[in-house]
Amino acid sequence: MRRHLARILIALALLGGVLAQAGCVVVAPRPARVWVPGYWAPSHVWVGGYWRYR
Protein backbone atom coordinates (compact mmCIF):
# COMPACT_ATOMS: atom_id res chain seq x y z
CA MET A 1 0.00 0.00 0.00
CA ARG A 2 2.88 2.38 0.72
CA ARG A 3 4.24 1.97 -2.81
CA HIS A 4 0.86 2.86 -4.27
CA LEU A 5 0.47 5.84 -1.96
CA ALA A 6 3.87 7.24 -2.99
CA ARG A 7 3.03 6.81 -6.69
CA ILE A 8 -0.36 8.45 -6.23
CA LEU A 9 1.22 11.43 -4.44
CA ILE A 10 3.82 11.85 -7.19
CA ALA A 11 1.12 11.62 -9.86
CA LEU A 12 -1.01 14.22 -8.06
CA ALA A 13 1.98 16.55 -7.74
CA LEU A 14 2.73 16.25 -11.47
CA LEU A 15 -0.91 16.79 -12.36
CA GLY A 16 -1.07 19.84 -10.10
CA GLY A 17 2.02 21.29 -11.75
CA VAL A 18 0.57 20.80 -15.21
CA LEU A 19 -2.76 22.35 -14.24
CA ALA A 20 -1.01 25.31 -12.58
CA GLN A 21 0.74 26.11 -15.87
CA ALA A 22 -2.28 25.50 -18.08
CA GLY A 23 -3.30 29.18 -18.03
CA CYS A 24 0.17 30.51 -18.91
CA VAL A 25 0.57 32.09 -22.31
CA VAL A 26 4.05 32.63 -23.70
CA VAL A 27 4.33 35.47 -26.21
CA ALA A 28 7.38 36.05 -28.37
CA PRO A 29 9.03 39.43 -27.73
CA ARG A 30 8.48 42.11 -30.33
CA PRO A 31 11.47 43.74 -31.95
CA ALA A 32 12.11 47.09 -30.31
CA ARG A 33 14.21 50.10 -31.15
CA VAL A 34 16.81 50.96 -28.55
CA TRP A 35 19.13 53.94 -28.33
CA VAL A 36 22.83 53.09 -28.37
CA PRO A 37 24.63 56.05 -26.76
CA GLY A 38 27.73 57.61 -28.22
CA TYR A 39 31.20 56.61 -27.05
CA TRP A 40 34.86 57.40 -27.51
CA ALA A 41 36.58 54.99 -29.89
CA PRO A 42 40.12 53.78 -29.06
CA SER A 43 41.67 56.30 -31.48
CA HIS A 44 40.08 59.23 -29.54
CA VAL A 45 37.29 59.64 -32.07
CA TRP A 46 33.71 60.31 -30.95
CA VAL A 47 31.22 57.80 -32.34
CA GLY A 48 27.71 59.29 -32.21
CA GLY A 49 24.71 57.47 -30.85
CA TYR A 50 22.22 55.70 -33.09
CA TRP A 51 18.99 53.70 -33.01
CA ARG A 52 19.10 49.96 -33.59
CA TYR A 53 16.62 47.12 -33.50
CA ARG A 54 16.96 44.61 -30.72
PDB file of N, CA and C in Angstrom:
ATOM      1  N   MET A   1       0.820  -1.190   0.000  1.00  0.00           N
ATOM      2  CA  MET A   1       0.000   0.000   0.000  1.00  0.00           C
ATOM      3  C   MET A   1       0.868   1.259   0.000  1.00  0.00           C
ATOM      4  N   ARG A   2       2.018   1.198   0.657  1.00  0.00           N
ATOM      5  CA  ARG A   2       2.879   2.385   0.715  1.00  0.00           C
ATOM      6  C   ARG A   2       3.436   2.728  -0.664  1.00  0.00           C
ATOM      7  N   ARG A   3       3.740   1.702  -1.454  1.00  0.00           N
ATOM      8  CA  ARG A   3       4.239   1.972  -2.808  1.00  0.00           C
ATOM      9  C   ARG A   3       3.184   2.686  -3.643  1.00  0.00           C
ATOM     10  N   HIS A   4       1.941   2.245  -3.513  1.00  0.00           N
ATOM     11  CA  HIS A   4       0.856   2.861  -4.267  1.00  0.00           C
ATOM     12  C   HIS A   4       0.604   4.284  -3.791  1.00  0.00           C
ATOM     13  N   LEU A   5       0.698   4.514  -2.508  1.00  0.00           N
ATOM     14  CA  LEU A   5       0.472   5.844  -1.964  1.00  0.00           C
ATOM     15  C   LEU A   5       1.546   6.815  -2.457  1.00  0.00           C
ATOM     16  N   ALA A   6       2.782   6.377  -2.495  1.00  0.00           N
ATOM     17  CA  ALA A   6       3.866   7.237  -2.991  1.00  0.00           C
ATOM     18  C   ALA A   6       3.661   7.559  -4.471  1.00  0.00           C
ATOM     19  N   ARG A   7       3.265   6.573  -5.259  1.00  0.00           N
ATOM     20  CA  ARG A   7       3.026   6.809  -6.687  1.00  0.00           C
ATOM     21  C   ARG A   7       1.848   7.745  -6.903  1.00  0.00           C
ATOM     22  N   ILE A   8       0.812   7.580  -6.101  1.00  0.00           N
ATOM     23  CA  ILE A   8      -0.356   8.451  -6.225  1.00  0.00           C
ATOM     24  C   ILE A   8       0.008   9.884  -5.865  1.00  0.00           C
ATOM     25  N   LEU A   9       0.807  10.076  -4.826  1.00  0.00           N
ATOM     26  CA  LEU A   9       1.217  11.426  -4.436  1.00  0.00           C
ATOM     27  C   LEU A   9       2.087  12.076  -5.513  1.00  0.00           C
ATOM     28  N   ILE A  10       2.987  11.316  -6.108  1.00  0.00           N
ATOM     29  CA  ILE A  10       3.817  11.853  -7.187  1.00  0.00           C
ATOM     30  C   ILE A  10       2.960  12.214  -8.394  1.00  0.00           C
ATOM     31  N   ALA A  11       2.009  11.352  -8.735  1.00  0.00           N
ATOM     32  CA  ALA A  11       1.122  11.620  -9.861  1.00  0.00           C
ATOM     33  C   ALA A  11       0.277  12.866  -9.605  1.00  0.00           C
ATOM     34  N   LEU A  12      -0.221  13.028  -8.389  1.00  0.00           N
ATOM     35  CA  LEU A  12      -1.008  14.216  -8.058  1.00  0.00           C
ATOM     36  C   LEU A  12      -0.158  15.487  -8.116  1.00  0.00           C
ATOM     37  N   ALA A  13       1.096  15.396  -7.679  1.00  0.00           N
ATOM     38  CA  ALA A  13       1.983  16.552  -7.736  1.00  0.00           C
ATOM     39  C   ALA A  13       2.269  16.942  -9.185  1.00  0.00           C
ATOM     40  N   LEU A  14       2.504  15.963 -10.052  1.00  0.00           N
ATOM     41  CA  LEU A  14       2.730  16.251 -11.465  1.00  0.00           C
ATOM     42  C   LEU A  14       1.485  16.842 -12.117  1.00  0.00           C
ATOM     43  N   LEU A  15       0.339  16.280 -11.808  1.00  0.00           N
ATOM     44  CA  LEU A  15      -0.908  16.790 -12.359  1.00  0.00           C
ATOM     45  C   LEU A  15      -1.172  18.213 -11.883  1.00  0.00           C
ATOM     46  N   GLY A  16      -0.892  18.481 -10.623  1.00  0.00           N
ATOM     47  CA  GLY A  16      -1.067  19.837 -10.097  1.00  0.00           C
ATOM     48  C   GLY A  16      -0.139  20.832 -10.774  1.00  0.00           C
ATOM     49  N   GLY A  17       1.094  20.411 -11.048  1.00  0.00           N
ATOM     50  CA  GLY A  17       2.023  21.286 -11.750  1.00  0.00           C
ATOM     51  C   GLY A  17       1.576  21.602 -13.165  1.00  0.00           C
ATOM     52  N   VAL A  18       1.057  20.586 -13.841  1.00  0.00           N
ATOM     53  CA  VAL A  18       0.570  20.796 -15.208  1.00  0.00           C
ATOM     54  C   VAL A  18      -0.640  21.717 -15.206  1.00  0.00           C
ATOM     55  N   LEU A  19      -1.558  21.512 -14.289  1.00  0.00           N
ATOM     56  CA  LEU A  19      -2.757  22.350 -14.236  1.00  0.00           C
ATOM     57  C   LEU A  19      -2.426  23.779 -13.822  1.00  0.00           C
ATOM     58  N   ALA A  20      -1.399  23.964 -12.997  1.00  0.00           N
ATOM     59  CA  ALA A  20      -1.006  25.308 -12.583  1.00  0.00           C
ATOM     60  C   ALA A  20      -0.452  26.103 -13.753  1.00  0.00           C
ATOM     61  N   GLN A  21       0.168  25.420 -14.717  1.00  0.00           N
ATOM     62  CA  GLN A  21       0.741  26.106 -15.867  1.00  0.00           C
ATOM     63  C   GLN A  21      -0.200  26.145 -17.063  1.00  0.00           C
ATOM     64  N   ALA A  22      -1.364  25.589 -16.938  1.00  0.00           N
ATOM     65  CA  ALA A  22      -2.285  25.503 -18.077  1.00  0.00           C
ATOM     66  C   ALA A  22      -2.747  26.873 -18.537  1.00  0.00           C
ATOM     67  N   GLY A  23      -2.821  27.855 -17.653  1.00  0.00           N
ATOM     68  CA  GLY A  23      -3.295  29.180 -18.026  1.00  0.00           C
ATOM     69  C   GLY A  23      -2.198  30.105 -18.499  1.00  0.00           C
ATOM     70  N   CYS A  24      -0.947  29.661 -18.508  1.00  0.00           N
ATOM     71  CA  CYS A  24       0.170  30.515 -18.905  1.00  0.00           C
ATOM     72  C   CYS A  24       0.227  30.632 -20.422  1.00  0.00           C
ATOM     73  N   VAL A  25       0.434  31.845 -20.886  1.00  0.00           N
ATOM     74  CA  VAL A  25       0.573  32.090 -22.313  1.00  0.00           C
ATOM     75  C   VAL A  25       1.944  32.707 -22.539  1.00  0.00           C
ATOM     76  N   VAL A  26       2.725  32.111 -23.403  1.00  0.00           N
ATOM     77  CA  VAL A  26       4.054  32.626 -23.704  1.00  0.00           C
ATOM     78  C   VAL A  26       3.981  33.370 -25.031  1.00  0.00           C
ATOM     79  N   VAL A  27       4.388  34.632 -25.015  1.00  0.00           N
ATOM     80  CA  VAL A  27       4.331  35.467 -26.211  1.00  0.00           C
ATOM     81  C   VAL A  27       5.757  35.823 -26.615  1.00  0.00           C
ATOM     82  N   ALA A  28       6.051  35.705 -27.884  1.00  0.00           N
ATOM     83  CA  ALA A  28       7.381  36.053 -28.372  1.00  0.00           C
ATOM     84  C   ALA A  28       7.594  37.560 -28.251  1.00  0.00           C
ATOM     85  N   PRO A  29       8.787  37.993 -27.854  1.00  0.00           N
ATOM     86  CA  PRO A  29       9.033  39.427 -27.729  1.00  0.00           C
ATOM     87  C   PRO A  29       9.024  40.120 -29.091  1.00  0.00           C
ATOM     88  N   ARG A  30       8.511  41.332 -29.103  1.00  0.00           N
ATOM     89  CA  ARG A  30       8.482  42.112 -30.325  1.00  0.00           C
ATOM     90  C   ARG A  30       9.826  42.807 -30.515  1.00  0.00           C
ATOM     91  N   PRO A  31      10.236  42.988 -31.748  1.00  0.00           N
ATOM     92  CA  PRO A  31      11.472  43.743 -31.952  1.00  0.00           C
ATOM     93  C   PRO A  31      11.261  45.188 -31.514  1.00  0.00           C
ATOM     94  N   ALA A  32      12.224  45.728 -30.823  1.00  0.00           N
ATOM     95  CA  ALA A  32      12.110  47.087 -30.307  1.00  0.00           C
ATOM     96  C   ALA A  32      13.313  47.902 -30.747  1.00  0.00           C
ATOM     97  N   ARG A  33      13.105  49.197 -30.848  1.00  0.00           N
ATOM     98  CA  ARG A  33      14.212  50.096 -31.149  1.00  0.00           C
ATOM     99  C   ARG A  33      14.812  50.563 -29.841  1.00  0.00           C
ATOM    100  N   VAL A  34      16.112  50.500 -29.756  1.00  0.00           N
ATOM    101  CA  VAL A  34      16.809  50.955 -28.551  1.00  0.00           C
ATOM    102  C   VAL A  34      17.880  51.953 -28.967  1.00  0.00           C
ATOM    103  N   TRP A  35      18.128  52.913 -28.080  1.00  0.00           N
ATOM    104  CA  TRP A  35      19.131  53.937 -28.333  1.00  0.00           C
ATOM    105  C   TRP A  35      20.487  53.452 -27.839  1.00  0.00           C
ATOM    106  N   VAL A  36      21.459  53.437 -28.735  1.00  0.00           N
ATOM    107  CA  VAL A  36      22.826  53.089 -28.372  1.00  0.00           C
ATOM    108  C   VAL A  36      23.564  54.413 -28.195  1.00  0.00           C
ATOM    109  N   PRO A  37      23.991  54.742 -26.979  1.00  0.00           N
ATOM    110  CA  PRO A  37      24.628  56.048 -26.763  1.00  0.00           C
ATOM    111  C   PRO A  37      25.990  56.141 -27.442  1.00  0.00           C
ATOM    112  N   GLY A  38      26.429  57.373 -27.619  1.00  0.00           N
ATOM    113  CA  GLY A  38      27.732  57.606 -28.225  1.00  0.00           C
ATOM    114  C   GLY A  38      28.856  57.194 -27.288  1.00  0.00           C
ATOM    115  N   TYR A  39      30.052  57.031 -27.848  1.00  0.00           N
ATOM    116  CA  TYR A  39      31.201  56.609 -27.047  1.00  0.00           C
ATOM    117  C   TYR A  39      32.490  57.067 -27.731  1.00  0.00           C
ATOM    118  N   TRP A  40      33.543  57.068 -26.976  1.00  0.00           N
ATOM    119  CA  TRP A  40      34.858  57.404 -27.508  1.00  0.00           C
ATOM    120  C   TRP A  40      35.516  56.131 -28.027  1.00  0.00           C
ATOM    121  N   ALA A  41      35.885  56.122 -29.295  1.00  0.00           N
ATOM    122  CA  ALA A  41      36.583  54.989 -29.889  1.00  0.00           C
ATOM    123  C   ALA A  41      38.040  54.987 -29.413  1.00  0.00           C
ATOM    124  N   PRO A  42      38.734  53.865 -29.537  1.00  0.00           N
ATOM    125  CA  PRO A  42      40.119  53.777 -29.061  1.00  0.00           C
ATOM    126  C   PRO A  42      41.049  54.839 -29.653  1.00  0.00           C
ATOM    127  N   SER A  43      40.777  55.302 -30.873  1.00  0.00           N
ATOM    128  CA  SER A  43      41.669  56.299 -31.482  1.00  0.00           C
ATOM    129  C   SER A  43      41.236  57.724 -31.147  1.00  0.00           C
ATOM    130  N   HIS A  44      40.555  57.929 -30.024  1.00  0.00           N
ATOM    131  CA  HIS A  44      40.077  59.226 -29.539  1.00  0.00           C
ATOM    132  C   HIS A  44      39.172  59.905 -30.558  1.00  0.00           C
ATOM    133  N   VAL A  45      38.279  59.127 -31.132  1.00  0.00           N
ATOM    134  CA  VAL A  45      37.289  59.636 -32.075  1.00  0.00           C
ATOM    135  C   VAL A  45      35.917  59.401 -31.466  1.00  0.00           C
ATOM    136  N   TRP A  46      35.060  60.441 -31.485  1.00  0.00           N
ATOM    137  CA  TRP A  46      33.714  60.311 -30.947  1.00  0.00           C
ATOM    138  C   TRP A  46      32.823  59.596 -31.955  1.00  0.00           C
ATOM    139  N   VAL A  47      32.188  58.521 -31.524  1.00  0.00           N
ATOM    140  CA  VAL A  47      31.222  57.797 -32.342  1.00  0.00           C
ATOM    141  C   VAL A  47      29.841  58.158 -31.810  1.00  0.00           C
ATOM    142  N   GLY A  48      29.021  58.812 -32.642  1.00  0.00           N
ATOM    143  CA  GLY A  48      27.710  59.286 -32.208  1.00  0.00           C
ATOM    144  C   GLY A  48      26.744  58.145 -31.930  1.00  0.00           C
ATOM    145  N   GLY A  49      25.721  58.474 -31.161  1.00  0.00           N
ATOM    146  CA  GLY A  49      24.706  57.473 -30.846  1.00  0.00           C
ATOM    147  C   GLY A  49      23.809  57.187 -32.039  1.00  0.00           C
ATOM    148  N   TYR A  50      23.093  56.089 -31.993  1.00  0.00           N
ATOM    149  CA  TYR A  50      22.218  55.696 -33.088  1.00  0.00           C
ATOM    150  C   TYR A  50      21.139  54.757 -32.547  1.00  0.00           C
ATOM    151  N   TRP A  51      20.071  54.624 -33.333  1.00  0.00           N
ATOM    152  CA  TRP A  51      18.995  53.698 -33.013  1.00  0.00           C
ATOM    153  C   TRP A  51      19.281  52.368 -33.670  1.00  0.00           C
ATOM    154  N   ARG A  52      18.983  51.279 -32.979  1.00  0.00           N
ATOM    155  CA  ARG A  52      19.100  49.964 -33.594  1.00  0.00           C
ATOM    156  C   ARG A  52      17.964  49.083 -33.097  1.00  0.00           C
ATOM    157  N   TYR A  53      17.655  48.075 -33.886  1.00  0.00           N
ATOM    158  CA  TYR A  53      16.618  47.124 -33.504  1.00  0.00           C
ATOM    159  C   TYR A  53      17.220  46.039 -32.635  1.00  0.00           C
ATOM    160  N   ARG A  54      16.491  45.651 -31.621  1.00  0.00           N
ATOM    161  CA  ARG A  54      16.959  44.611 -30.717  1.00  0.00           C
ATOM    162  C   ARG A  54      16.026  43.441 -30.803  1.00  0.00           C
TER     163      ARG A  54
END
